[in-house]
Amino acid sequence: MKKIMTSAVFAASFLVSLSAVAAGNAESGKLLTEKYNCASCHGKDFNSPIDPSYPKLAGQHQDYLQHALVAYRRGNDGMNGRTNAIMSGQAKALTDKDIQDIAAYLHGLPGSLVLEK
């Protein structure tokens, strides 16, 4: 019984620490969006892209942003990658932590996305 409790405590601690890492660091994300000049296409507020076909990023769901950046990083590898040449080129240099940080920053910005009920 003691062994089971120890394992359960360890597992819970691991999950808590994992969720903290997955949360990302918004301040680092802000610096990364400046470094990669994301606003040049997605707008200075990340809510007014220069082309209507470019997505609004401000306020977007964090997990969606992470998934999209990972898919762009994969590119056309046949594994659910995205093939936009500009975004794939930008995302290739990003680490998993960079992606988490960027997603945390963009998610925290006020946006005009409309969520359906």
N, C-alpha and C. Protein backbone atom coordinates (compact mmCIF):
# COMPACT_ATOMS: atom_id res chain seq x y z
N MET A 1 0.82 -1.20 0.00
CA MET A 1 0.00 0.00 0.00
C MET A 1 0.87 1.26 0.00
N LYS A 2 1.94 1.23 0.79
CA LYS A 2 2.83 2.39 0.87
C LYS A 2 3.48 2.66 -0.49
N LYS A 3 3.80 1.60 -1.20
CA LYS A 3 4.42 1.72 -2.51
C LYS A 3 3.45 2.36 -3.52
N ILE A 4 2.19 1.99 -3.43
CA ILE A 4 1.17 2.55 -4.32
C ILE A 4 1.00 4.04 -4.05
N MET A 5 0.95 4.43 -2.78
CA MET A 5 0.79 5.84 -2.41
C MET A 5 1.99 6.66 -2.89
N THR A 6 3.19 6.11 -2.72
CA THR A 6 4.40 6.80 -3.17
C THR A 6 4.36 7.00 -4.67
N SER A 7 3.95 5.99 -5.40
CA SER A 7 3.83 6.08 -6.85
C SER A 7 2.79 7.11 -7.26
N ALA A 8 1.68 7.13 -6.55
CA ALA A 8 0.62 8.09 -6.87
C ALA A 8 1.08 9.52 -6.63
N VAL A 9 1.78 9.76 -5.55
CA VAL A 9 2.30 11.10 -5.25
C VAL A 9 3.31 11.52 -6.31
N PHE A 10 4.19 10.60 -6.67
CA PHE A 10 5.18 10.89 -7.71
C PHE A 10 4.50 11.23 -9.03
N ALA A 11 3.50 10.44 -9.42
CA ALA A 11 2.79 10.68 -10.67
C ALA A 11 2.08 12.03 -10.66
N ALA A 12 1.45 12.36 -9.55
CA ALA A 12 0.76 13.66 -9.45
C ALA A 12 1.75 14.81 -9.54
N SER A 13 2.89 14.68 -8.88
CA SER A 13 3.92 15.72 -8.93
C SER A 13 4.43 15.89 -10.35
N PHE A 14 4.63 14.78 -11.04
CA PHE A 14 5.10 14.83 -12.42
C PHE A 14 4.10 15.55 -13.31
N LEU A 15 2.81 15.24 -13.17
CA LEU A 15 1.79 15.87 -14.00
C LEU A 15 1.69 17.37 -13.74
N VAL A 16 1.81 17.77 -12.48
CA VAL A 16 1.77 19.20 -12.15
C VAL A 16 2.95 19.91 -12.78
N SER A 17 4.14 19.33 -12.69
CA SER A 17 5.31 19.98 -13.27
C SER A 17 5.22 20.00 -14.79
N LEU A 18 4.66 18.96 -15.38
CA LEU A 18 4.50 18.92 -16.82
C LEU A 18 3.54 20.00 -17.30
N SER A 19 2.45 20.23 -16.59
CA SER A 19 1.51 21.25 -17.00
C SER A 19 2.12 22.64 -16.85
N ALA A 20 2.98 22.83 -15.87
CA ALA A 20 3.65 24.12 -15.72
C ALA A 20 4.57 24.40 -16.89
N VAL A 21 5.27 23.38 -17.36
CA VAL A 21 6.16 23.55 -18.51
C VAL A 21 5.33 23.82 -19.76
N ALA A 22 4.22 23.11 -19.92
CA ALA A 22 3.39 23.26 -21.11
C ALA A 22 2.74 24.63 -21.18
N ALA A 23 2.66 25.32 -20.05
CA ALA A 23 2.00 26.62 -20.02
C ALA A 23 2.75 27.66 -20.83
N GLY A 24 4.06 27.60 -20.86
CA GLY A 24 4.85 28.56 -21.61
C GLY A 24 5.05 29.85 -20.84
N ASN A 25 5.99 30.64 -21.31
CA ASN A 25 6.35 31.91 -20.69
C ASN A 25 5.99 33.03 -21.66
N ALA A 26 4.96 33.79 -21.32
CA ALA A 26 4.44 34.82 -22.22
C ALA A 26 5.48 35.90 -22.51
N GLU A 27 6.28 36.28 -21.53
CA GLU A 27 7.30 37.32 -21.76
C GLU A 27 8.33 36.85 -22.78
N SER A 28 8.76 35.61 -22.65
CA SER A 28 9.70 35.05 -23.64
C SER A 28 9.03 34.98 -25.01
N GLY A 29 7.75 34.63 -25.01
CA GLY A 29 7.00 34.56 -26.26
C GLY A 29 6.92 35.90 -26.96
N LYS A 30 6.75 36.96 -26.18
CA LYS A 30 6.71 38.31 -26.75
C LYS A 30 8.03 38.63 -27.43
N LEU A 31 9.13 38.31 -26.76
CA LEU A 31 10.46 38.56 -27.34
C LEU A 31 10.66 37.76 -28.62
N LEU A 32 10.16 36.53 -28.63
CA LEU A 32 10.31 35.70 -29.83
C LEU A 32 9.48 36.24 -30.99
N THR A 33 8.26 36.74 -30.72
CA THR A 33 7.46 37.29 -31.82
C THR A 33 8.12 38.54 -32.39
N GLU A 34 8.85 39.27 -31.55
CA GLU A 34 9.59 40.43 -32.04
C GLU A 34 10.81 39.97 -32.85
N LYS A 35 11.52 38.97 -32.34
CA LYS A 35 12.71 38.45 -33.03
C LYS A 35 12.36 37.96 -34.43
N TYR A 36 11.25 37.23 -34.55
CA TYR A 36 10.86 36.66 -35.84
C TYR A 36 9.93 37.57 -36.64
N ASN A 37 9.68 38.77 -36.13
CA ASN A 37 8.90 39.80 -36.81
C ASN A 37 7.52 39.29 -37.26
N CYS A 38 6.85 38.58 -36.37
CA CYS A 38 5.54 38.00 -36.66
C CYS A 38 4.51 39.08 -37.01
N ALA A 39 4.66 40.26 -36.41
CA ALA A 39 3.69 41.33 -36.63
C ALA A 39 3.72 41.85 -38.06
N SER A 40 4.80 41.61 -38.79
CA SER A 40 4.86 42.11 -40.16
C SER A 40 3.76 41.51 -41.04
N CYS A 41 3.30 40.33 -40.71
CA CYS A 41 2.19 39.72 -41.47
C CYS A 41 0.88 39.68 -40.67
N HIS A 42 0.99 39.43 -39.37
CA HIS A 42 -0.21 39.24 -38.55
C HIS A 42 -0.71 40.51 -37.89
N GLY A 43 -0.04 41.63 -38.13
CA GLY A 43 -0.46 42.92 -37.59
C GLY A 43 0.18 43.22 -36.26
N LYS A 44 0.39 44.51 -35.99
CA LYS A 44 1.10 44.91 -34.77
C LYS A 44 0.38 44.46 -33.50
N ASP A 45 -0.93 44.28 -33.58
CA ASP A 45 -1.69 43.82 -32.42
C ASP A 45 -2.04 42.33 -32.54
N PHE A 46 -1.54 41.68 -33.59
CA PHE A 46 -1.81 40.27 -33.88
C PHE A 46 -3.30 40.01 -34.07
N ASN A 47 -4.02 41.08 -34.38
CA ASN A 47 -5.46 41.01 -34.57
C ASN A 47 -5.88 41.68 -35.87
N SER A 48 -4.91 42.20 -36.62
CA SER A 48 -5.20 42.89 -37.88
C SER A 48 -4.15 42.51 -38.92
N PRO A 49 -4.24 41.28 -39.45
CA PRO A 49 -3.25 40.83 -40.42
C PRO A 49 -3.25 41.69 -41.69
N ILE A 50 -2.12 41.70 -42.37
CA ILE A 50 -1.99 42.52 -43.58
C ILE A 50 -2.78 41.95 -44.75
N ASP A 51 -3.18 40.70 -44.68
CA ASP A 51 -3.97 40.05 -45.72
C ASP A 51 -5.11 39.31 -45.03
N PRO A 52 -6.32 39.42 -45.54
CA PRO A 52 -7.45 38.77 -44.87
C PRO A 52 -7.32 37.24 -44.79
N SER A 53 -6.48 36.67 -45.61
CA SER A 53 -6.32 35.21 -45.55
C SER A 53 -5.36 34.77 -44.44
N TYR A 54 -4.66 35.72 -43.82
CA TYR A 54 -3.76 35.41 -42.71
C TYR A 54 -4.59 35.39 -41.42
N PRO A 55 -4.30 34.48 -40.52
CA PRO A 55 -5.13 34.38 -39.31
C PRO A 55 -4.85 35.48 -38.29
N LYS A 56 -5.89 35.79 -37.55
CA LYS A 56 -5.75 36.62 -36.36
C LYS A 56 -5.23 35.71 -35.27
N LEU A 57 -4.19 36.12 -34.58
CA LEU A 57 -3.57 35.26 -33.57
C LEU A 57 -3.89 35.67 -32.14
N ALA A 58 -4.19 36.93 -31.93
CA ALA A 58 -4.45 37.43 -30.57
C ALA A 58 -5.67 36.73 -29.97
N GLY A 59 -5.48 36.16 -28.79
CA GLY A 59 -6.58 35.52 -28.09
C GLY A 59 -6.91 34.11 -28.57
N GLN A 60 -6.18 33.63 -29.55
CA GLN A 60 -6.44 32.28 -30.07
C GLN A 60 -6.14 31.25 -28.98
N HIS A 61 -6.76 30.10 -29.04
CA HIS A 61 -6.52 29.04 -28.07
C HIS A 61 -5.05 28.62 -28.10
N GLN A 62 -4.46 28.50 -26.93
CA GLN A 62 -3.05 28.19 -26.82
C GLN A 62 -2.71 26.84 -27.45
N ASP A 63 -3.52 25.83 -27.21
CA ASP A 63 -3.22 24.51 -27.76
C ASP A 63 -3.31 24.52 -29.28
N TYR A 64 -4.22 25.30 -29.83
CA TYR A 64 -4.32 25.41 -31.29
C TYR A 64 -3.06 26.06 -31.86
N LEU A 65 -2.61 27.14 -31.23
CA LEU A 65 -1.41 27.83 -31.71
C LEU A 65 -0.20 26.89 -31.68
N GLN A 66 -0.06 26.14 -30.59
CA GLN A 66 1.05 25.20 -30.47
C GLN A 66 0.96 24.15 -31.57
N HIS A 67 -0.22 23.59 -31.76
CA HIS A 67 -0.40 22.56 -32.80
C HIS A 67 -0.05 23.13 -34.18
N ALA A 68 -0.52 24.32 -34.48
CA ALA A 68 -0.27 24.93 -35.79
C ALA A 68 1.22 25.16 -36.01
N LEU A 69 1.92 25.69 -35.00
CA LEU A 69 3.35 25.95 -35.16
C LEU A 69 4.15 24.66 -35.32
N VAL A 70 3.77 23.63 -34.60
CA VAL A 70 4.45 22.34 -34.76
C VAL A 70 4.21 21.80 -36.17
N ALA A 71 2.98 21.93 -36.66
CA ALA A 71 2.67 21.46 -38.01
C ALA A 71 3.44 22.25 -39.06
N TYR A 72 3.56 23.56 -38.88
CA TYR A 72 4.36 24.36 -39.82
C TYR A 72 5.83 23.95 -39.75
N ARG A 73 6.31 23.67 -38.56
CA ARG A 73 7.70 23.25 -38.40
C ARG A 73 7.94 21.93 -39.15
N ARG A 74 6.96 21.03 -39.12
CA ARG A 74 7.08 19.76 -39.86
C ARG A 74 7.08 19.99 -41.35
N GLY A 75 6.32 20.99 -41.80
CA GLY A 75 6.23 21.25 -43.23
C GLY A 75 5.53 20.12 -43.96
N ASN A 76 5.96 19.84 -45.12
CA ASN A 76 5.32 18.83 -45.95
C ASN A 76 6.00 17.47 -45.74
N ASP A 77 5.89 16.94 -44.54
CA ASP A 77 6.53 15.66 -44.23
C ASP A 77 5.56 14.49 -44.26
N GLY A 78 4.32 14.73 -44.65
CA GLY A 78 3.33 13.67 -44.69
C GLY A 78 2.78 13.31 -43.32
N MET A 79 3.17 14.04 -42.28
CA MET A 79 2.73 13.74 -40.91
C MET A 79 1.90 14.90 -40.36
N ASN A 80 0.84 15.28 -41.07
CA ASN A 80 -0.03 16.36 -40.62
C ASN A 80 0.69 17.70 -40.59
N GLY A 81 1.63 17.89 -41.50
CA GLY A 81 2.33 19.16 -41.59
C GLY A 81 1.54 20.17 -42.40
N ARG A 82 1.90 21.42 -42.25
CA ARG A 82 1.30 22.49 -43.04
C ARG A 82 2.34 22.96 -44.04
N THR A 83 1.90 23.41 -45.20
CA THR A 83 2.83 23.62 -46.30
C THR A 83 3.07 25.08 -46.68
N ASN A 84 2.61 26.04 -45.92
CA ASN A 84 2.87 27.44 -46.25
C ASN A 84 4.37 27.69 -46.14
N ALA A 85 4.98 28.09 -47.24
CA ALA A 85 6.44 28.23 -47.30
C ALA A 85 6.97 29.27 -46.31
N ILE A 86 6.27 30.37 -46.16
CA ILE A 86 6.73 31.43 -45.25
C ILE A 86 6.68 30.93 -43.81
N MET A 87 5.54 30.38 -43.41
CA MET A 87 5.41 29.92 -42.02
C MET A 87 6.30 28.72 -41.74
N SER A 88 6.43 27.83 -42.69
CA SER A 88 7.32 26.68 -42.48
C SER A 88 8.75 27.15 -42.28
N GLY A 89 9.18 28.12 -43.06
CA GLY A 89 10.52 28.67 -42.91
C GLY A 89 10.73 29.33 -41.55
N GLN A 90 9.72 30.06 -41.09
CA GLN A 90 9.80 30.71 -39.78
C GLN A 90 9.83 29.67 -38.65
N ALA A 91 8.98 28.67 -38.76
CA ALA A 91 8.81 27.71 -37.67
C ALA A 91 9.96 26.69 -37.57
N LYS A 92 10.71 26.49 -38.64
CA LYS A 92 11.79 25.49 -38.61
C LYS A 92 12.77 25.74 -37.48
N ALA A 93 13.05 27.00 -37.17
CA ALA A 93 14.05 27.35 -36.15
C ALA A 93 13.51 27.25 -34.72
N LEU A 94 12.21 27.08 -34.56
CA LEU A 94 11.60 27.11 -33.23
C LEU A 94 11.78 25.79 -32.48
N THR A 95 12.12 25.90 -31.21
CA THR A 95 12.16 24.73 -30.34
C THR A 95 10.76 24.50 -29.77
N ASP A 96 10.56 23.37 -29.11
CA ASP A 96 9.27 23.13 -28.46
C ASP A 96 8.98 24.21 -27.42
N LYS A 97 9.99 24.62 -26.68
CA LYS A 97 9.81 25.67 -25.67
C LYS A 97 9.45 27.00 -26.33
N ASP A 98 10.12 27.34 -27.43
CA ASP A 98 9.79 28.56 -28.17
C ASP A 98 8.31 28.55 -28.56
N ILE A 99 7.85 27.42 -29.06
CA ILE A 99 6.46 27.30 -29.50
C ILE A 99 5.51 27.48 -28.32
N GLN A 100 5.82 26.87 -27.19
CA GLN A 100 4.98 27.02 -26.00
C GLN A 100 4.95 28.48 -25.55
N ASP A 101 6.10 29.15 -25.59
CA ASP A 101 6.18 30.54 -25.14
C ASP A 101 5.41 31.47 -26.08
N ILE A 102 5.57 31.28 -27.38
CA ILE A 102 4.84 32.10 -28.35
C ILE A 102 3.34 31.90 -28.19
N ALA A 103 2.92 30.66 -28.05
CA ALA A 103 1.50 30.37 -27.89
C ALA A 103 0.95 31.00 -26.61
N ALA A 104 1.72 30.96 -25.53
CA ALA A 104 1.28 31.57 -24.27
C ALA A 104 1.11 33.07 -24.44
N TYR A 105 2.04 33.71 -25.13
CA TYR A 105 1.96 35.16 -25.33
C TYR A 105 0.75 35.53 -26.18
N LEU A 106 0.61 34.89 -27.33
CA LEU A 106 -0.49 35.23 -28.24
C LEU A 106 -1.85 34.93 -27.62
N HIS A 107 -1.94 33.83 -26.90
CA HIS A 107 -3.19 33.47 -26.24
C HIS A 107 -3.63 34.54 -25.24
N GLY A 108 -2.68 35.17 -24.58
CA GLY A 108 -2.99 36.16 -23.56
C GLY A 108 -3.34 37.54 -24.09
N LEU A 109 -3.20 37.75 -25.39
CA LEU A 109 -3.52 39.06 -25.95
C LEU A 109 -5.02 39.21 -26.19
N PRO A 110 -5.54 40.42 -26.05
CA PRO A 110 -6.96 40.63 -26.37
C PRO A 110 -7.17 40.49 -27.87
N GLY A 111 -8.20 39.76 -28.25
CA GLY A 111 -8.47 39.56 -29.66
C GLY A 111 -9.92 39.72 -29.98
N SER A 112 -10.24 39.61 -31.25
CA SER A 112 -11.64 39.76 -31.66
C SER A 112 -12.20 38.47 -32.22
N LEU A 113 -11.63 37.35 -31.82
CA LEU A 113 -12.16 36.07 -32.26
C LEU A 113 -13.55 35.87 -31.68
N VAL A 114 -14.44 35.32 -32.46
CA VAL A 114 -15.79 35.06 -32.00
C VAL A 114 -15.92 33.57 -31.76
N LEU A 115 -16.24 33.20 -30.55
CA LEU A 115 -16.42 31.81 -30.21
C LEU A 115 -17.89 31.45 -30.30
N GLU A 116 -18.16 30.35 -31.01
CA GLU A 116 -19.56 29.91 -31.13
C GLU A 116 -19.98 29.20 -29.87
N LYS A 117 -21.24 29.33 -29.54
CA LYS A 117 -21.78 28.69 -28.34
C LYS A 117 -22.41 27.38 -28.68
